[in-house]
């Protein structure tokens, strides 16, 4: 059925969810994807709206803490005005510490990319999928001038902030508002990063990680997992994620190399 304004049910769900302040920043394609899935599941407008909001909370706001992006921009501008690598790294560390995922990576940043690139080679094109605040790790990535860096996220305000940061950094880089489940990147790349995001993708759509790996036109994909829960308990997480991931890719002819960092478990999938 259509209402008097001519909106179909999925569009009504999108409009209702988009009116909620905490979801206005979410990529419209993400809201539309979830709304379509929930309408197909419920065929009842109110239940589909509630279910869509619930799923958005699970995949987005449940893992988000407020970030003052204007303050972050001022902090970065001041650091780049000083002009020393130390000032820039300190500003980036301060912002990276605002989210659990990137905060947990801080102790290993000095060797994380160096160890990975010792295996994959330094990329000429790098994709950062479901990036969050990870582009602030750019000073540790060791990328020479001319390397193309593409970051993808579903938060409109974060993408605008990352664009400002990457411009300050003078990198050949682009931040894209893009839902990688709806629209996987088509860029040819040497390395793609999928850092601690596979679990969230699987929660949205089972099998989505493998489907994404299949579609990426890259030589190597770095897929990582946390080694502790949000409550900082190990609970056998490295063993669980290793078993699940290796089983996931067992039907593909891709070599997989494991890297065990102190705060993160990484697998390099070599697609050739």
Protein backbone atom coordinates (compact mmCIF):
# COMPACT_ATOMS: atom_id res chain seq x y z
CA UNK A 1 0.00 0.00 0.00
CA UNK A 2 1.01 3.63 -0.50
CA UNK A 3 0.10 6.53 1.75
CA UNK A 4 -1.22 9.87 0.47
CA UNK A 5 2.30 11.19 -0.03
CA UNK A 6 3.18 8.28 -2.30
CA UNK A 7 5.90 6.82 -0.09
CA UNK A 8 6.17 3.06 -0.17
CA UNK A 9 6.71 1.16 3.06
CA UNK A 10 10.50 0.99 2.88
CA UNK A 11 10.70 4.72 2.22
CA UNK A 12 8.42 5.34 5.19
CA UNK A 13 10.72 3.27 7.39
CA UNK A 14 13.75 5.19 6.10
CA UNK A 15 12.03 8.52 6.74
CA UNK A 16 10.98 7.51 10.26
CA UNK A 17 14.42 6.20 11.22
CA UNK A 18 16.18 9.17 9.61
CA UNK A 19 14.15 11.54 11.77
CA UNK A 20 15.83 10.13 14.89
CA UNK A 21 18.75 12.38 15.84
CA UNK A 22 21.18 9.54 16.56
CA UNK A 23 20.71 8.01 13.10
CA UNK A 24 20.82 11.15 10.96
CA UNK A 25 24.54 10.69 10.48
CA UNK A 26 24.21 7.16 9.09
CA UNK A 27 24.76 6.57 5.38
CA UNK A 28 21.32 6.57 3.70
CA UNK A 29 22.18 3.38 1.82
CA UNK A 30 22.72 1.60 5.13
CA UNK A 31 19.36 2.69 6.50
CA UNK A 32 17.67 1.73 3.24
CA UNK A 33 19.33 -1.70 3.21
CA UNK A 34 18.27 -2.53 6.75
CA UNK A 35 14.78 -1.10 6.22
CA UNK A 36 14.26 -3.26 3.14
CA UNK A 37 15.44 -6.37 4.99
CA UNK A 38 13.18 -5.70 7.98
CA UNK A 39 10.15 -4.89 5.83
CA UNK A 40 10.65 -8.18 3.96
CA UNK A 41 10.87 -9.97 7.32
CA UNK A 42 7.88 -8.35 9.07
CA UNK A 43 5.50 -6.87 6.47
CA UNK A 44 4.25 -4.68 9.31
CA UNK A 45 5.27 -1.03 9.35
CA UNK A 46 5.63 -0.41 13.09
CA UNK A 47 7.43 -3.69 13.72
CA UNK A 48 9.76 -3.07 10.77
CA UNK A 49 10.58 0.44 12.02
CA UNK A 50 11.35 -0.88 15.49
CA UNK A 51 13.47 -3.73 14.09
CA UNK A 52 15.40 -1.37 11.80
CA UNK A 53 16.23 0.93 14.70
CA UNK A 54 17.25 -2.05 16.80
CA UNK A 55 19.63 -3.30 14.11
CA UNK A 56 21.09 0.15 13.59
CA UNK A 57 21.77 0.32 17.31
CA UNK A 58 23.51 -3.07 17.17
CA UNK A 59 25.72 -2.27 14.19
CA UNK A 60 26.29 1.43 14.75
CA UNK A 61 25.38 3.30 17.90
CA UNK A 62 26.11 0.48 20.36
CA UNK A 63 29.80 0.79 19.45
CA UNK A 64 29.93 4.55 19.15
CA UNK A 65 30.95 7.05 21.79
CA UNK A 66 30.46 10.76 21.16
CA UNK A 67 33.31 12.46 19.32
CA UNK A 68 33.63 16.22 19.10
CA UNK A 69 34.88 16.41 15.52
CA UNK A 70 35.21 20.20 15.58
CA UNK A 71 37.48 19.96 18.60
CA UNK A 72 39.39 17.14 16.90
CA UNK A 73 39.90 19.30 13.82
CA UNK A 74 41.23 22.18 15.94
CA UNK A 75 43.59 19.81 17.73
CA UNK A 76 44.95 18.51 14.42
CA UNK A 77 45.25 21.99 12.92
CA UNK A 78 47.28 23.10 15.94
CA UNK A 79 49.53 20.05 15.64
CA UNK A 80 50.18 20.60 11.95
CA UNK A 81 50.86 24.28 12.67
CA UNK A 82 53.63 23.16 15.04
CA UNK A 83 54.83 21.03 12.15
CA UNK A 84 56.73 18.29 13.97
CA UNK A 85 56.01 14.56 13.59
CA UNK A 86 55.82 14.30 17.37
CA UNK A 87 53.07 16.93 17.63
CA UNK A 88 51.06 15.31 14.84
CA UNK A 89 51.37 11.82 16.32
CA UNK A 90 50.33 13.03 19.76
CA UNK A 91 47.22 14.71 18.35
CA UNK A 92 46.37 11.58 16.38
CA UNK A 93 46.87 9.39 19.45
CA UNK A 94 44.50 11.59 21.44
CA UNK A 95 41.76 11.14 18.84
CA UNK A 96 42.44 7.43 18.25
CA UNK A 97 41.95 6.89 21.99
CA UNK A 98 38.33 8.03 21.73
CA UNK A 99 37.12 4.71 20.29
CA UNK A 100 37.74 1.29 21.80
CA UNK A 101 38.84 -0.34 18.56
CA UNK A 102 41.55 2.18 17.72
CA UNK A 103 42.49 2.75 21.38
CA UNK A 104 43.34 -0.95 21.69
CA UNK A 105 45.67 -0.64 18.69
CA UNK A 106 47.71 2.22 20.17
CA UNK A 107 50.23 -0.02 22.01
CA UNK A 108 51.09 -1.90 18.80
CA UNK A 109 51.01 0.93 16.25
CA UNK A 110 54.79 1.21 16.04
CA UNK A 111 55.05 -2.32 14.60
CA UNK A 112 51.53 -3.14 13.32
CA UNK A 113 51.83 -1.79 9.77
CA UNK A 114 55.57 -2.43 9.53
CA UNK A 115 55.09 -6.13 10.29
CA UNK A 116 52.17 -6.47 7.88
CA UNK A 117 53.92 -4.66 5.04
CA UNK A 118 57.06 -6.71 5.55
CA UNK A 119 54.87 -9.56 4.31
CA UNK A 120 52.59 -7.86 1.77
CA UNK A 121 55.00 -5.23 0.54
CA UNK A 122 54.30 -1.52 0.93
CA UNK A 123 51.05 -0.89 -0.93
CA UNK A 124 50.74 1.58 -3.79
CA UNK A 125 46.99 1.60 -3.25
CA UNK A 126 45.45 0.92 0.17
CA UNK A 127 41.78 0.47 1.06
CA UNK A 128 40.62 0.99 4.66
CA UNK A 129 37.20 -0.68 4.93
CA UNK A 130 34.68 0.26 7.64
CA UNK A 131 37.51 2.51 8.77
CA UNK A 132 36.15 4.27 11.85
CA UNK A 133 38.92 6.52 13.16
CA UNK A 134 41.71 4.35 11.78
CA UNK A 135 42.82 6.91 9.15
CA UNK A 136 44.31 8.82 12.09
CA UNK A 137 46.89 5.99 12.08
CA UNK A 138 48.25 7.39 8.82
CA UNK A 139 51.47 8.70 10.47
CA UNK A 140 52.32 5.09 11.43
CA UNK A 141 51.46 3.51 8.08
CA UNK A 142 54.81 4.31 6.51
CA UNK A 143 53.29 5.13 3.15
CA UNK A 144 55.59 6.91 0.70
CA UNK A 145 54.36 9.92 -1.30
CA UNK A 146 52.00 9.03 -4.11
CA UNK A 147 50.33 6.07 -2.41
CA UNK A 148 46.56 6.19 -2.96
CA UNK A 149 44.63 5.68 0.29
CA UNK A 150 40.86 5.16 0.29
CA UNK A 151 38.86 5.05 3.55
CA UNK A 152 35.21 3.93 3.75
CA UNK A 153 32.70 4.51 6.54
CA UNK A 154 28.94 4.98 7.05
CA UNK A 155 29.10 8.02 9.37
CA UNK A 156 28.62 11.30 7.47
CA UNK A 157 30.20 13.50 10.16
CA UNK A 158 33.17 11.19 10.53
CA UNK A 159 33.79 11.19 6.78
CA UNK A 160 33.76 15.00 6.72
CA UNK A 161 36.22 15.04 9.64
CA UNK A 162 38.50 12.48 7.97
CA UNK A 163 38.49 14.51 4.76
CA UNK A 164 39.69 17.54 6.73
CA UNK A 165 42.38 15.48 8.44
CA UNK A 166 43.64 13.87 5.23
CA UNK A 167 43.85 17.30 3.60
CA UNK A 168 45.99 18.51 6.51
CA UNK A 169 48.17 15.43 6.17
CA UNK A 170 48.73 16.19 2.51
CA UNK A 171 48.03 12.58 1.64
CA UNK A 172 46.78 11.35 -1.72
CA UNK A 173 43.70 10.13 0.07
CA UNK A 174 39.94 10.07 -0.08
CA UNK A 175 37.31 9.35 2.58
CA UNK A 176 34.15 7.81 1.12
CA UNK A 177 30.66 7.70 2.62
CA UNK A 178 30.00 4.14 1.49
CA UNK A 179 28.30 1.04 2.88
CA UNK A 180 30.65 -1.76 1.87
CA UNK A 181 27.86 -4.34 2.10
CA UNK A 182 25.73 -2.42 -0.42
CA UNK A 183 28.58 -1.12 -2.53
CA UNK A 184 31.90 -2.96 -2.12
CA UNK A 185 34.83 -0.89 -3.37
CA UNK A 186 35.77 -1.54 -6.98
CA UNK A 187 39.21 0.07 -6.85
CA UNK A 188 42.13 -2.19 -7.69
CA UNK A 189 44.45 -2.21 -4.67
CA UNK A 190 47.48 -3.93 -3.26
CA UNK A 191 46.15 -4.14 0.31
CA UNK A 192 42.74 -3.78 1.93
CA UNK A 193 42.27 -3.41 5.69
CA UNK A 194 39.23 -4.91 7.42
CA UNK A 195 40.19 -4.19 11.02
CA UNK A 196 37.95 -5.65 13.74
CA UNK A 197 34.87 -5.23 11.53
CA UNK A 198 34.11 -8.76 10.35
CA UNK A 199 32.03 -9.61 13.42
CA UNK A 200 29.86 -6.54 12.90
CA UNK A 201 29.40 -7.39 9.21
CA UNK A 202 28.41 -10.97 10.07
CA UNK A 203 25.91 -9.68 12.61
CA UNK A 204 24.24 -7.73 9.84
CA UNK A 205 24.36 -10.45 7.21
CA UNK A 206 25.79 -13.93 7.74
CA UNK A 207 28.40 -14.74 5.12
CA UNK A 208 29.02 -11.09 4.32
CA UNK A 209 32.75 -11.19 5.13
CA UNK A 210 33.46 -13.96 2.64
CA UNK A 211 31.23 -12.32 0.04
CA UNK A 212 33.20 -9.10 0.48
CA UNK A 213 36.54 -10.89 0.20
CA UNK A 214 35.35 -12.55 -2.99
CA UNK A 215 34.44 -9.22 -4.57
CA UNK A 216 37.48 -7.16 -3.60
CA UNK A 217 39.98 -6.65 -6.42
CA UNK A 218 43.04 -6.67 -4.16
CA UNK A 219 46.24 -8.64 -3.73
CA UNK A 220 46.04 -8.93 0.07
CA UNK A 221 43.28 -8.40 2.63
CA UNK A 222 44.18 -7.87 6.29
CA UNK A 223 41.34 -9.13 8.49
CA UNK A 224 41.72 -8.61 12.24
CA UNK A 225 39.86 -9.52 15.40
CA UNK A 226 40.04 -8.38 19.02
CA UNK A 227 41.76 -10.64 21.52
CA UNK A 228 39.72 -9.43 24.50
CA UNK A 229 36.10 -8.52 25.10
CA UNK A 230 35.00 -4.96 25.80
CA UNK A 231 35.33 -5.92 29.46
CA UNK A 232 38.99 -6.86 28.79
CA UNK A 233 38.46 -10.59 29.27
CA UNK A 234 40.17 -13.01 26.91
CA UNK A 235 37.58 -15.80 27.17
CA UNK A 236 39.35 -17.84 24.48
CA UNK A 237 38.65 -15.19 21.87
CA UNK A 238 41.82 -15.62 19.76
CA UNK A 239 41.19 -19.36 19.41
CA UNK A 240 37.51 -18.81 18.63
CA UNK A 241 38.14 -16.21 15.94
CA UNK A 242 41.00 -18.16 14.41
CA UNK A 243 38.89 -21.31 14.09
CA UNK A 244 35.88 -19.43 12.73
CA UNK A 245 37.85 -17.39 10.20
CA UNK A 246 39.96 -20.25 8.86
CA UNK A 247 36.83 -22.34 8.48
CA UNK A 248 35.15 -19.42 6.67
CA UNK A 249 37.85 -19.19 3.99
CA UNK A 250 38.65 -22.92 3.80
CA UNK A 251 36.82 -23.29 0.50
CA UNK A 252 38.95 -20.65 -1.21
CA UNK A 253 42.42 -21.20 -2.73
CA UNK A 254 43.89 -18.27 -0.81
CA UNK A 255 46.98 -18.60 1.40
CA UNK A 256 46.29 -17.18 4.87
CA UNK A 257 49.06 -15.94 7.16
CA UNK A 258 48.50 -15.31 10.86
CA UNK A 259 49.97 -12.40 12.83
CA UNK A 260 49.47 -12.42 16.60
CA UNK A 261 49.84 -8.94 18.05
CA UNK A 262 49.47 -8.22 21.76
CA UNK A 263 46.05 -6.57 21.36
CA UNK A 264 44.86 -7.84 17.98
CA UNK A 265 44.79 -11.05 15.94
CA UNK A 266 45.45 -10.51 12.23
CA UNK A 267 45.15 -12.69 9.16
CA UNK A 268 46.56 -11.73 5.78
CA UNK A 269 44.53 -13.30 2.99
CA UNK A 270 46.59 -13.37 -0.19
CA UNK A 271 44.37 -13.34 -3.25
CA UNK A 272 47.15 -12.72 -5.76
